[in-house]
Amino acid sequence: MKKAISLLLTIVLMLSLVGCGGATKTNKNNEPVNDSNAETNSDKDTEKDKRAMEGNMYLEGFPIVKEPITIKIAAIDWWNSENYETLQTPKEYEKLTNIHCEWQHITSPEQLNLIFAGGDSFPDLFLFLDYDKINELGKDGQLLPVQDLIKKYAPNVQKMFEKEPIAEKLCTASDGNMYIIPSMYMSPGEMLRGSTYINRKWLNKLNLDMPTNMDEFYSVLKAFKDEDPNGNGKEDEIPLSLLWDNDLYGICSLFGPWGITSSAFGPFYAKDQKEIVASVMQPEYKDAIKYFHKLYKEGLLDQEAFTQDHDKYLSKISPVVERETIIVGASNGYTPINPGNKEIKDMDYVMVEPLEGPKGKHHFVPVGAGIFTNNYMSADTKYAKEIMRWIDGIAESETSFMWNGGPEGILWKKNSEGKIERIEGTDKKNCDYSFILPIMGVYSEWYNNNVVLSKDDKVKLEILEAVRPVGDQYVLDSKRAGNIPLVFSKEEEDFISTYYTDISQFCKNKEAEWIMQGGIDKQWDDYQNQLKKMKIEELMDIYQKALDEWVKK
């Protein structure tokens, strides 16, 4: 397989040179080769003809099939246009594999609902499309079990399971089948979510130590407001700015010192992946709300924290703007926001390690896994084994990197040591070279050994090590970091659908109200009674049962 992978990389890189500069293709001996489809797909050399086959499909190497086939793929590509067939990397892969792809651009859950309801043509493959009933569709016979196909035809996908065993657990349904094909991109950035960062230069100017607990954090924010750390003689400092319920820029890291989570991440979390805790019913939740109300009332917390949108928040802390005056003392994000993208040694903002709570403990929403469980195959496809080989070709780590970042020489290059290095001053957004987030097989060991870590990567790795030991608050909402994909029966899902959304929204509204206006002490008992009337205890039981099953897997 190594020989096949090497051949893949050689051909793709040669093709990329043509796409970028119109150079003549050469073989490994630097001899010109013809690029016509007839040459590539029909005039196989003697060595290729000897490869083992099943029907029209070769069992290893490229092309994957002898005679061309067409597969239909529904996909979402977060950064490029919807014209997938015009992108350079997919076009080159089509030539390499002899498999033509008809792409269907998916932009909403409604489109998927229509497909699964039979109101639209059913694709062969779904790529990077979140859907909350994948396993149920599999059990109903609409999606194909893939575990045997992976074992037989997908050594690169199997390698993901070897490197990150939890991936197999994440992809396995309660009936023992696997309807999900994993995708993995475990760079430091994908493995990290919101942390708190503080202005180091402001700390130094005011002779303040880095805060280690919530009382010290309050004192630092108070000094930021009162002592003019930016030195412009104006009271324009925002001690702490947040985008409250965002999982990257929100409050995820700051409720942890009390051993609970914000309702922005749902009413529950799974402590150590074993015990369901209803944060919104704990006395510590009330204490945390009172702390943040104090910050808000005294102007230490951004008065727009609950109302500003993403653009407004970033306008205050943008990393690409050189500001005459810095106005934010602390903020949340998954990387330090440093105006002008300064080097590490010049960074204005540095991470605040998980803060100690009133009871002397540290708790944290853990890092995201970088493992994605949203690729699946139609049970009606005529080309299951060919598709699995097509997937596995992309799941080779360096090829995955190229699908994400484009061919060599445009956005990245290899240095003298053979390591991948990004080319400064290039932006892969809206480019015509790559397909962002397809099937991917980039595990952390490969990334750290083969990619030159950027300044942000290095900082993220330091942060990962700092938060790992205290990351015991696993979020249960599947759209948030640190999630656990629990499985429920049809009756349980109906119950959750009936009650969860109302409870979650009720809690979010009360949290925002109490932090901005106060009053939690007076309303606390009525709030608890209302939650019980809304069936929160029954929901907890359902979640605990599902969590127990998850632990047994």
Protein backbone atom coordinates (compact mmCIF):
# COMPACT_ATOMS: atom_id res chain seq x y z
CA MET A 1 0.00 0.00 0.00
CA LYS A 2 2.96 2.32 0.68
CA LYS A 3 3.92 1.97 -2.97
CA ALA A 4 0.37 2.88 -4.01
CA ILE A 5 0.29 5.88 -1.72
CA SER A 6 3.66 7.04 -3.00
CA LEU A 7 2.35 6.77 -6.54
CA LEU A 8 -0.73 8.80 -5.57
CA LEU A 9 1.36 11.60 -4.13
CA THR A 10 3.76 11.66 -7.06
CA ILE A 11 0.97 11.90 -9.62
CA VAL A 12 -1.06 14.49 -7.70
CA LEU A 13 1.97 16.71 -7.20
CA MET A 14 2.89 16.48 -10.87
CA LEU A 15 -0.67 17.35 -11.80
CA SER A 16 -0.60 20.33 -9.46
CA LEU A 17 2.38 21.75 -11.34
CA VAL A 18 0.35 21.70 -14.53
CA GLY A 19 -2.60 23.35 -12.80
CA CYS A 20 -0.42 26.07 -11.33
CA GLY A 21 2.00 26.92 -14.09
CA GLY A 22 1.23 24.98 -17.22
CA ALA A 23 4.45 22.95 -17.00
CA THR A 24 4.84 19.76 -19.03
CA LYS A 25 4.27 16.61 -16.98
CA THR A 26 7.11 14.17 -16.55
CA ASN A 27 7.45 10.73 -15.05
CA LYS A 28 9.86 9.81 -12.24
CA ASN A 29 12.69 9.75 -14.80
CA ASN A 30 11.83 13.28 -15.93
CA GLU A 31 10.48 12.02 -19.25
CA PRO A 32 7.41 13.68 -20.82
CA VAL A 33 4.14 11.81 -20.41
CA ASN A 34 0.80 12.17 -22.17
CA ASP A 35 -2.06 13.41 -19.93
CA SER A 36 -5.02 12.28 -22.04
CA ASN A 37 -7.75 10.25 -20.39
CA ALA A 38 -7.25 7.57 -23.01
CA GLU A 39 -3.62 7.18 -21.92
CA THR A 40 -4.46 7.28 -18.22
CA ASN A 41 -7.49 5.02 -18.19
CA SER A 42 -7.12 2.59 -21.09
CA ASP A 43 -3.47 2.07 -22.01
CA LYS A 44 -2.39 0.47 -18.75
CA ASP A 45 1.19 -0.69 -18.61
CA THR A 46 2.00 -4.36 -18.02
CA GLU A 47 2.77 -3.88 -14.33
CA LYS A 48 -0.60 -2.26 -13.59
CA ASP A 49 -2.48 -4.92 -15.54
CA LYS A 50 -1.13 -7.54 -13.14
CA ARG A 51 -2.79 -5.95 -10.11
CA ALA A 52 -5.48 -8.10 -8.48
CA MET A 53 -9.04 -7.12 -9.31
CA GLU A 54 -12.62 -7.63 -8.16
CA GLY A 55 -14.79 -7.10 -11.19
CA ASN A 56 -13.91 -3.66 -12.56
CA MET A 57 -12.00 -2.60 -9.42
CA TYR A 58 -8.30 -2.94 -8.65
CA LEU A 59 -7.65 -4.02 -5.07
CA GLU A 60 -4.78 -1.61 -4.60
CA GLY A 61 -3.08 1.31 -6.29
CA PHE A 62 -4.41 3.76 -8.86
CA PRO A 63 -6.51 4.04 -10.88
CA ILE A 64 -9.11 2.43 -8.64
CA VAL A 65 -11.28 1.13 -11.50
CA LYS A 66 -10.38 -0.06 -14.99
CA GLU A 67 -13.45 1.34 -16.73
CA PRO A 68 -14.72 4.75 -15.56
CA ILE A 69 -17.67 4.93 -13.17
CA THR A 70 -19.72 7.85 -11.82
CA ILE A 71 -20.71 8.33 -8.18
CA LYS A 72 -23.01 10.95 -6.70
CA ILE A 73 -21.81 12.79 -3.59
CA ALA A 74 -23.75 15.18 -1.34
CA ALA A 75 -21.33 17.44 0.51
CA ILE A 76 -20.70 20.73 2.22
CA ASP A 77 -17.51 22.69 1.68
CA TRP A 78 -17.28 25.46 4.24
CA TRP A 79 -14.95 27.83 2.41
CA ASN A 80 -15.20 27.33 -1.32
CA SER A 81 -17.93 27.94 -3.85
CA GLU A 82 -20.52 25.30 -4.61
CA ASN A 83 -18.88 24.41 -7.94
CA TYR A 84 -16.92 21.47 -6.58
CA GLU A 85 -16.25 20.00 -10.01
CA THR A 86 -14.13 23.04 -10.90
CA LEU A 87 -11.77 22.71 -7.92
CA GLN A 88 -8.27 21.60 -8.83
CA THR A 89 -7.69 18.92 -6.19
CA PRO A 90 -10.94 16.98 -6.84
CA LYS A 91 -10.34 17.22 -10.59
CA GLU A 92 -6.87 15.72 -10.21
CA TYR A 93 -8.19 12.95 -7.98
CA GLU A 94 -10.79 12.08 -10.61
CA LYS A 95 -8.05 11.61 -13.21
CA LEU A 96 -6.04 9.53 -10.76
CA THR A 97 -8.90 7.23 -9.70
CA ASN A 98 -10.92 6.99 -12.94
CA ILE A 99 -14.01 7.77 -10.83
CA HIS A 100 -16.13 10.72 -11.88
CA CYS A 101 -18.01 12.58 -9.13
CA GLU A 102 -21.31 14.38 -9.49
CA TRP A 103 -21.38 16.82 -6.57
CA GLN A 104 -24.56 17.97 -4.84
CA HIS A 105 -24.04 21.11 -2.75
CA ILE A 106 -25.86 20.87 0.63
CA THR A 107 -26.37 24.02 2.66
CA SER A 108 -29.15 23.20 5.13
CA PRO A 109 -30.66 20.37 7.20
CA GLU A 110 -33.84 20.82 5.19
CA GLN A 111 -32.06 19.58 2.07
CA LEU A 112 -30.99 16.43 3.90
CA ASN A 113 -34.50 15.94 5.29
CA LEU A 114 -35.85 16.10 1.75
CA ILE A 115 -33.33 13.54 0.52
CA PHE A 116 -34.08 11.09 3.32
CA ALA A 117 -37.81 11.59 2.90
CA GLY A 118 -37.50 10.48 -0.71
CA GLY A 119 -38.17 13.90 -2.18
CA ASP A 120 -34.79 14.26 -3.84
CA SER A 121 -32.32 12.01 -5.63
CA PHE A 122 -30.40 9.82 -3.21
CA PRO A 123 -26.59 10.21 -3.47
CA ASP A 124 -24.13 7.34 -3.13
CA LEU A 125 -22.09 9.15 -0.48
CA PHE A 126 -22.59 11.94 2.05
CA LEU A 127 -19.48 13.92 3.03
CA PHE A 128 -19.10 16.01 6.17
CA LEU A 129 -22.84 16.44 6.66
CA ASP A 130 -24.08 16.52 10.23
CA TYR A 131 -27.36 14.72 10.73
CA ASP A 132 -28.78 13.70 14.08
CA LYS A 133 -30.33 10.43 12.89
CA ILE A 134 -27.50 8.76 10.99
CA ASN A 135 -27.59 5.60 13.10
CA GLU A 136 -31.37 5.42 12.94
CA LEU A 137 -31.26 5.72 9.16
CA GLY A 138 -28.74 2.90 9.17
CA LYS A 139 -30.91 0.67 11.30
CA ASP A 140 -33.85 1.43 9.00
CA GLY A 141 -31.86 0.26 6.00
CA GLN A 142 -31.24 3.59 4.24
CA LEU A 143 -27.53 3.73 5.06
CA LEU A 144 -24.93 1.02 4.59
CA PRO A 145 -23.00 -0.71 7.40
CA VAL A 146 -19.36 -0.02 6.55
CA GLN A 147 -17.28 -1.91 9.13
CA ASP A 148 -16.55 -4.87 6.82
CA LEU A 149 -15.79 -2.59 3.88
CA ILE A 150 -13.31 -0.67 6.03
CA LYS A 151 -11.57 -3.85 7.13
CA LYS A 152 -11.27 -5.15 3.59
CA TYR A 153 -10.65 -2.05 1.51
CA ALA A 154 -9.58 0.85 3.73
CA PRO A 155 -6.20 0.47 5.49
CA ASN A 156 -5.85 4.23 5.94
CA VAL A 157 -9.22 4.46 7.69
CA GLN A 158 -8.21 1.52 9.87
CA LYS A 159 -5.07 3.41 10.81
CA MET A 160 -7.29 6.16 12.26
CA PHE A 161 -8.80 3.57 14.60
CA GLU A 162 -5.34 2.39 15.61
CA LYS A 163 -4.05 5.90 16.31
CA GLU A 164 -7.24 7.16 18.00
CA PRO A 165 -9.27 4.16 19.26
CA ILE A 166 -12.14 6.38 20.42
CA ALA A 167 -12.93 7.05 16.74
CA GLU A 168 -14.25 3.51 16.32
CA LYS A 169 -16.39 3.89 19.43
CA LEU A 170 -17.75 7.21 18.18
CA CYS A 171 -18.76 5.64 14.87
CA THR A 172 -20.39 2.45 16.17
CA ALA A 173 -24.17 2.33 16.62
CA SER A 174 -25.99 0.54 19.43
CA ASP A 175 -26.72 -2.43 17.14
CA GLY A 176 -22.97 -3.02 16.71
CA ASN A 177 -22.87 -1.79 13.13
CA MET A 178 -20.87 1.16 11.89
CA TYR A 179 -22.85 3.44 9.57
CA ILE A 180 -20.40 6.32 9.93
CA ILE A 181 -17.03 6.64 8.22
CA PRO A 182 -14.80 8.74 10.46
CA SER A 183 -12.86 11.79 9.46
CA MET A 184 -9.92 13.04 11.49
CA TYR A 185 -7.97 16.29 11.42
CA MET A 186 -6.10 16.46 14.69
CA SER A 187 -4.00 19.57 14.37
CA PRO A 188 -3.62 21.52 17.62
CA GLY A 189 -6.30 23.94 16.44
CA GLU A 190 -8.91 21.27 15.77
CA MET A 191 -8.26 19.75 19.19
CA LEU A 192 -8.72 22.99 21.11
CA ARG A 193 -11.67 25.19 21.90
CA GLY A 194 -12.30 28.30 23.97
CA SER A 195 -9.81 29.38 26.61
CA THR A 196 -9.31 32.71 28.37
CA TYR A 197 -6.49 35.03 27.31
CA ILE A 198 -5.26 38.11 29.13
CA ASN A 199 -3.28 41.17 28.12
CA ARG A 200 0.21 40.47 29.42
CA LYS A 201 1.42 44.01 28.73
CA TRP A 202 -1.36 45.44 30.85
CA LEU A 203 -0.44 43.09 33.67
CA ASN A 204 3.18 44.20 33.47
CA LYS A 205 2.33 47.90 33.33
CA LEU A 206 0.15 47.67 36.45
CA ASN A 207 2.60 45.32 38.24
CA LEU A 208 -0.04 42.60 38.48
CA ASP A 209 0.56 38.88 38.71
CA MET A 210 -1.21 36.40 36.44
CA PRO A 211 -4.48 35.49 38.22
CA THR A 212 -4.77 31.94 39.52
CA ASN A 213 -8.28 31.97 41.02
CA MET A 214 -11.56 33.80 40.53
CA ASP A 215 -10.93 36.38 43.28
CA GLU A 216 -7.60 37.33 41.72
CA PHE A 217 -9.27 37.43 38.30
CA TYR A 218 -11.81 39.93 39.61
CA SER A 219 -9.04 42.11 41.09
CA VAL A 220 -7.15 42.14 37.78
CA LEU A 221 -10.27 43.08 35.81
CA LYS A 222 -11.01 45.83 38.32
CA ALA A 223 -7.49 47.25 37.86
CA PHE A 224 -7.87 47.09 34.10
CA LYS A 225 -10.97 49.26 34.35
CA ASP A 226 -9.74 51.79 36.90
CA GLU A 227 -6.03 52.28 36.20
CA ASP A 228 -5.90 53.22 32.48
CA PRO A 229 -3.57 50.38 31.36
CA ASN A 230 -3.65 51.47 27.70
CA GLY A 231 -2.42 54.89 28.79
CA ASN A 232 -4.65 57.06 26.64
CA GLY A 233 -6.28 58.92 29.53
CA LYS A 234 -9.75 57.61 28.58
CA GLU A 235 -12.06 55.18 30.33
CA ASP A 236 -12.36 53.04 27.20
CA GLU A 237 -11.00 49.75 28.52
CA ILE A 238 -13.20 46.65 28.35
CA PRO A 239 -11.71 44.40 31.07
CA LEU A 240 -13.38 41.20 29.77
CA SER A 241 -15.12 40.74 26.43
CA LEU A 242 -17.03 37.63 25.31
CA LEU A 243 -19.42 36.33 22.71
CA TRP A 244 -21.44 34.67 25.44
CA ASP A 245 -22.89 31.45 24.00
CA ASN A 246 -20.28 30.80 21.30
CA ASP A 247 -18.20 27.66 21.87
CA LEU A 248 -15.00 29.34 20.65
CA TYR A 249 -15.34 32.88 21.98
CA GLY A 250 -17.86 32.34 24.76
CA ILE A 251 -18.00 31.53 28.44
CA CYS A 252 -17.04 27.85 28.23
CA SER A 253 -13.86 28.17 30.30
CA LEU A 254 -15.11 30.50 33.04
CA PHE A 255 -17.93 28.55 34.71
CA GLY A 256 -15.57 25.62 35.31
CA PRO A 257 -14.06 26.89 38.59
CA TRP A 258 -17.46 26.27 40.23
CA GLY A 259 -17.63 22.74 38.84
CA ILE A 260 -20.54 23.51 36.53
CA THR A 261 -21.09 24.69 32.95
CA SER A 262 -22.98 27.62 31.48
CA SER A 263 -26.48 26.95 30.18
CA ALA A 264 -25.14 28.22 26.87
CA PHE A 265 -23.91 24.63 26.48
CA GLY A 266 -27.17 23.03 27.57
CA PRO A 267 -28.52 22.26 31.03
CA PHE A 268 -26.37 19.11 31.49
CA TYR A 269 -22.81 17.96 31.19
CA ALA A 270 -21.18 14.55 31.70
CA LYS A 271 -18.60 14.63 34.48
CA ASP A 272 -15.64 12.45 33.49
CA GLN A 273 -17.97 10.89 30.88
CA LYS A 274 -19.66 8.97 33.71
CA GLU A 275 -22.16 11.10 35.61
CA ILE A 276 -24.84 13.43 34.26
CA VAL A 277 -24.80 16.73 36.13
CA ALA A 278 -27.59 19.28 35.72
CA SER A 279 -25.48 22.41 36.11
CA VAL A 280 -28.51 24.68 36.19
CA MET A 281 -29.80 23.00 39.37
CA GLN A 282 -26.60 23.16 41.41
CA PRO A 283 -26.03 25.72 44.22
CA GLU A 284 -22.64 26.41 42.62
CA TYR A 285 -24.46 27.58 39.48
CA LYS A 286 -26.19 30.26 41.51
CA ASP A 287 -22.84 31.35 42.98
CA ALA A 288 -21.29 31.60 39.52
CA ILE A 289 -24.19 33.68 38.21
CA LYS A 290 -23.81 36.10 41.12
CA TYR A 291 -20.09 36.45 40.36
CA PHE A 292 -20.73 37.30 36.71
CA HIS A 293 -23.54 39.68 37.64
CA LYS A 294 -21.02 41.52 39.80
CA LEU A 295 -18.65 41.78 36.85
CA TYR A 296 -21.43 43.02 34.60
CA LYS A 297 -22.81 45.53 37.10
CA GLU A 298 -19.37 47.03 37.72
CA GLY A 299 -18.57 47.31 34.01
CA LEU A 300 -15.88 44.64 34.14
CA LEU A 301 -17.75 42.39 31.71
CA ASP A 302 -18.48 43.74 28.24
CA GLN A 303 -21.96 45.26 28.30
CA GLU A 304 -22.50 43.85 24.79
CA ALA A 305 -21.49 40.29 25.72
CA PHE A 306 -25.06 38.99 25.24
CA THR A 307 -26.04 41.11 22.26
CA GLN A 308 -23.03 41.55 20.00
CA ASP A 309 -22.60 39.38 16.94
CA HIS A 310 -19.46 37.64 15.78
CA ASP A 311 -18.25 40.56 13.65
CA LYS A 312 -18.78 43.09 16.42
CA TYR A 313 -16.85 40.94 18.88
CA LEU A 314 -13.96 40.40 16.50
CA SER A 315 -13.85 44.11 15.72
CA LYS A 316 -12.70 44.63 19.31
CA ILE A 317 -10.02 41.95 19.31
CA SER A 318 -9.17 41.33 15.64
CA PRO A 319 -5.74 39.74 15.17
CA VAL A 320 -5.19 41.41 11.78
CA VAL A 321 -5.70 45.00 12.88
CA GLU A 322 -2.85 47.14 14.18
CA ARG A 323 -4.59 49.31 16.76
CA GLU A 324 -3.51 52.68 17.97
CA THR A 325 -5.01 51.74 21.34
CA ILE A 326 -5.81 48.27 22.67
CA ILE A 327 -9.11 48.32 24.57
CA VAL A 328 -9.70 44.68 25.66
CA GLY A 329 -7.98 43.28 28.75
CA ALA A 330 -9.14 39.66 28.55
CA SER A 331 -11.11 37.65 26.02
CA ASN A 332 -12.00 34.10 25.10
CA GLY A 333 -11.06 32.15 22.00
CA TYR A 334 -9.27 29.05 20.80
CA THR A 335 -6.08 30.95 20.05
CA PRO A 336 -4.65 34.14 21.55
CA ILE A 337 -5.95 37.21 19.74
CA ASN A 338 -2.87 39.31 19.09
CA PRO A 339 -3.28 42.48 17.07
CA GLY A 340 -1.04 42.48 14.02
CA ASN A 341 -0.34 38.73 14.35
CA LYS A 342 2.74 39.40 16.44
CA GLU A 343 5.38 36.78 17.10
CA ILE A 344 5.10 34.73 20.28
CA LYS A 345 7.73 36.76 22.11
CA ASP A 346 5.82 39.97 21.34
CA MET A 347 2.33 38.66 22.06
CA ASP A 348 0.02 41.02 23.89
CA TYR A 349 -2.28 38.21 25.02
CA VAL A 350 -1.32 35.00 26.80
CA MET A 351 -3.41 32.16 28.15
CA VAL A 352 -4.88 32.16 31.63
CA GLU A 353 -4.53 28.60 32.87
CA PRO A 354 -7.72 27.06 34.30
CA LEU A 355 -8.62 29.14 37.32
CA GLU A 356 -9.16 27.75 40.79
CA GLY A 357 -12.69 27.89 42.12
CA PRO A 358 -14.10 28.77 45.56
CA LYS A 359 -13.58 25.18 46.72
CA GLY A 360 -9.98 25.08 45.53
CA LYS A 361 -10.65 22.93 42.46
CA HIS A 362 -10.17 23.38 38.73
CA HIS A 363 -12.64 22.20 36.09
CA PHE A 364 -12.70 22.74 32.35
CA VAL A 365 -14.69 21.87 29.24
CA PRO A 366 -12.18 19.56 27.51
CA VAL A 367 -10.68 19.97 24.11
CA GLY A 368 -12.54 18.88 21.00
CA ALA A 369 -11.28 15.59 19.62
CA GLY A 370 -10.75 16.62 16.01
CA ILE A 371 -12.71 13.49 15.07
CA PHE A 372 -15.75 14.00 12.85
CA THR A 373 -18.61 11.53 12.54
CA ASN A 374 -20.60 12.83 9.60
CA ASN A 375 -19.69 10.76 6.53
CA TYR A 376 -21.99 7.93 5.45
CA MET A 377 -22.96 5.83 2.42
CA SER A 378 -26.28 4.96 0.83
CA ALA A 379 -27.42 1.38 1.24
CA ASP A 380 -28.56 1.44 -2.41
CA THR A 381 -25.24 2.39 -3.96
CA LYS A 382 -23.93 0.06 -6.67
CA TYR A 383 -20.35 1.04 -5.88
CA ALA A 384 -19.81 0.46 -2.15
CA LYS A 385 -16.36 -1.12 -2.40
CA GLU A 386 -15.19 1.35 -5.06
CA ILE A 387 -16.34 4.25 -2.90
CA MET A 388 -14.55 2.84 0.12
CA ARG A 389 -11.32 2.64 -1.88
CA TRP A 390 -11.95 6.20 -3.15
CA ILE A 391 -12.37 7.33 0.47
CA ASP A 392 -9.31 5.47 1.64
CA GLY A 393 -7.14 7.14 -1.00
CA ILE A 394 -8.02 10.53 0.45
CA ALA A 395 -7.66 9.27 4.03
CA GLU A 396 -3.89 8.84 3.58
CA SER A 397 -2.53 11.60 5.80
CA GLU A 398 -0.54 13.69 3.34
CA THR A 399 -3.27 13.38 0.72
CA SER A 400 -5.82 14.54 3.30
CA PHE A 401 -3.63 17.52 4.00
CA MET A 402 -3.51 18.32 0.28
CA TRP A 403 -7.29 18.09 -0.10
CA ASN A 404 -7.57 20.54 2.76
CA GLY A 405 -4.74 22.88 1.78
CA GLY A 406 -4.38 22.47 -1.96
CA PRO A 407 -1.50 21.14 -4.08
CA GLU A 408 2.09 21.79 -3.13
CA GLY A 409 3.54 25.16 -4.11
CA ILE A 410 0.40 27.26 -3.74
CA LEU A 411 -0.45 27.41 -0.03
CA TRP A 412 2.28 25.12 1.30
CA LYS A 413 5.66 23.70 0.40
CA LYS A 414 8.17 21.17 1.71
CA ASN A 415 11.31 22.42 3.39
CA SER A 416 14.80 20.91 3.19
CA GLU A 417 13.86 18.39 5.89
CA GLY A 418 10.83 17.19 3.94
CA LYS A 419 8.37 18.79 6.35
CA ILE A 420 5.25 20.62 5.22
CA GLU A 421 5.49 24.37 5.69
CA ARG A 422 2.78 26.89 4.98
CA ILE A 423 3.60 29.66 2.50
CA GLU A 424 3.10 33.00 4.23
CA GLY A 425 0.75 35.54 2.73
CA THR A 426 -1.62 33.02 1.14
CA ASP A 427 -5.25 32.40 2.04
CA LYS A 428 -7.05 29.18 1.25
CA LYS A 429 -10.47 30.72 1.68
CA ASN A 430 -12.32 31.00 -1.62
CA CYS A 431 -9.40 29.56 -3.57
CA ASP A 432 -9.86 27.15 -6.45
CA TYR A 433 -7.38 24.51 -5.36
CA SER A 434 -8.67 22.59 -2.37
CA PHE A 435 -11.80 21.02 -1.01
CA ILE A 436 -12.11 21.90 2.66
CA LEU A 437 -13.05 19.11 5.08
CA PRO A 438 -13.64 15.96 3.03
CA ILE A 439 -12.80 12.52 4.42
CA MET A 440 -9.59 13.17 6.34
CA GLY A 441 -6.98 11.00 8.04
CA VAL A 442 -4.71 13.52 9.73
CA TYR A 443 -4.01 12.23 13.24
CA SER A 444 -1.98 14.20 15.76
CA GLU A 445 1.17 12.04 15.61
CA TRP A 446 1.44 12.51 11.84
CA TYR A 447 0.69 16.25 12.02
CA ASN A 448 3.26 16.98 14.71
CA ASN A 449 5.94 14.93 12.91
CA ASN A 450 5.31 16.12 9.36
CA VAL A 451 4.07 19.72 9.55
CA VAL A 452 6.15 22.69 10.63
CA LEU A 453 4.16 24.04 13.56
CA SER A 454 3.14 27.66 13.27
CA LYS A 455 3.42 30.06 16.18
CA ASP A 456 -0.27 29.49 16.88
CA ASP A 457 0.20 25.70 16.74
CA LYS A 458 2.97 25.91 19.33
CA VAL A 459 0.85 28.01 21.65
CA LYS A 460 -2.11 25.65 21.20
CA LEU A 461 0.02 22.63 22.11
CA GLU A 462 1.09 24.36 25.32
CA ILE A 463 -2.54 25.13 26.09
CA LEU A 464 -3.59 21.54 25.38
CA GLU A 465 -1.17 20.26 27.97
CA ALA A 466 -2.37 22.82 30.50
CA VAL A 467 -6.09 22.02 30.19
CA ARG A 468 -5.98 18.25 29.68
CA PRO A 469 -5.63 17.30 33.37
CA VAL A 470 -8.72 19.28 34.41
CA GLY A 471 -10.93 18.69 31.35
CA ASP A 472 -13.69 16.72 33.04
CA GLN A 473 -16.80 18.57 31.84
CA TYR A 474 -18.00 16.81 28.71
CA VAL A 475 -20.69 18.70 26.85
CA LEU A 476 -23.68 16.69 25.64
CA ASP A 477 -24.90 18.98 22.88
CA SER A 478 -23.53 17.40 19.70
CA LYS A 479 -22.77 20.80 18.16
CA ARG A 480 -20.38 21.84 20.93
CA ALA A 481 -16.80 21.03 21.82
CA GLY A 482 -16.09 18.02 24.01
CA ASN A 483 -19.35 16.34 23.02
CA ILE A 484 -20.42 12.74 23.59
CA PRO A 485 -22.73 11.31 20.90
CA LEU A 486 -25.31 9.54 23.07
CA VAL A 487 -27.79 7.14 21.50
CA PHE A 488 -31.49 7.12 22.44
CA SER A 489 -34.49 4.94 21.67
CA LYS A 490 -37.30 6.31 19.50
CA GLU A 491 -39.45 6.93 22.59
CA GLU A 492 -36.59 8.69 24.37
CA GLU A 493 -35.89 10.83 21.32
CA ASP A 494 -39.56 11.85 21.20
CA PHE A 495 -39.41 12.81 24.88
CA ILE A 496 -36.22 14.80 24.37
CA SER A 497 -37.70 16.57 21.35
CA THR A 498 -40.73 17.53 23.41
CA TYR A 499 -38.95 18.92 26.46
CA TYR A 500 -35.24 19.59 25.89
CA THR A 501 -35.47 22.67 23.67
CA ASP A 502 -37.89 24.47 26.00
CA ILE A 503 -35.75 23.72 29.06
CA SER A 504 -32.56 24.77 27.32
CA GLN A 505 -34.01 28.06 26.10
CA PHE A 506 -35.61 28.79 29.45
CA CYS A 507 -32.25 28.32 31.19
CA LYS A 508 -30.37 30.47 28.68
CA ASN A 509 -32.87 33.29 29.03
CA LYS A 510 -32.71 33.22 32.82
CA GLU A 511 -28.91 33.11 32.81
CA ALA A 512 -28.67 36.23 30.64
CA GLU A 513 -31.36 37.99 32.68
CA TRP A 514 -29.69 37.25 36.02
CA ILE A 515 -26.22 38.26 34.90
CA MET A 516 -27.44 41.55 33.46
CA GLN A 517 -30.15 42.39 36.01
CA GLY A 518 -29.51 40.27 39.10
CA GLY A 519 -32.25 38.69 41.22
CA ILE A 520 -31.22 35.04 41.22
CA ASP A 521 -31.52 34.64 45.00
CA LYS A 522 -35.17 35.70 45.00
CA GLN A 523 -36.10 33.58 42.02
CA TRP A 524 -33.99 30.49 42.69
CA ASP A 525 -36.61 28.30 44.38
CA ASP A 526 -39.29 29.12 41.80
CA TYR A 527 -36.73 28.47 39.06
CA GLN A 528 -35.97 25.00 40.44
CA ASN A 529 -39.66 24.15 40.72
CA GLN A 530 -40.28 25.30 37.17
CA LEU A 531 -37.46 23.12 35.85
CA LYS A 532 -38.95 20.11 37.59
CA LYS A 533 -42.36 20.86 36.08
CA MET A 534 -40.67 21.03 32.69
CA LYS A 535 -39.43 17.41 33.21
CA ILE A 536 -35.72 18.11 33.72
CA GLU A 537 -35.33 15.20 36.16
CA GLU A 538 -36.87 12.75 33.70
CA LEU A 539 -34.53 14.09 31.02
CA MET A 540 -31.56 13.56 33.32
CA ASP A 541 -32.57 9.92 33.79
CA ILE A 542 -32.73 9.39 30.02
CA TYR A 543 -29.33 10.99 29.53
CA GLN A 544 -27.78 8.98 32.37
CA LYS A 545 -29.08 5.72 30.92
CA ALA A 546 -27.63 6.62 27.51
CA LEU A 547 -24.33 7.63 29.10
CA ASP A 548 -24.14 4.31 30.95
CA GLU A 549 -24.55 2.52 27.62
CA TRP A 550 -21.83 4.69 26.09
CA VAL A 551 -19.43 3.74 28.91
CA LYS A 552 -20.11 0.03 28.30
CA LYS A 553 -19.14 0.24 24.60
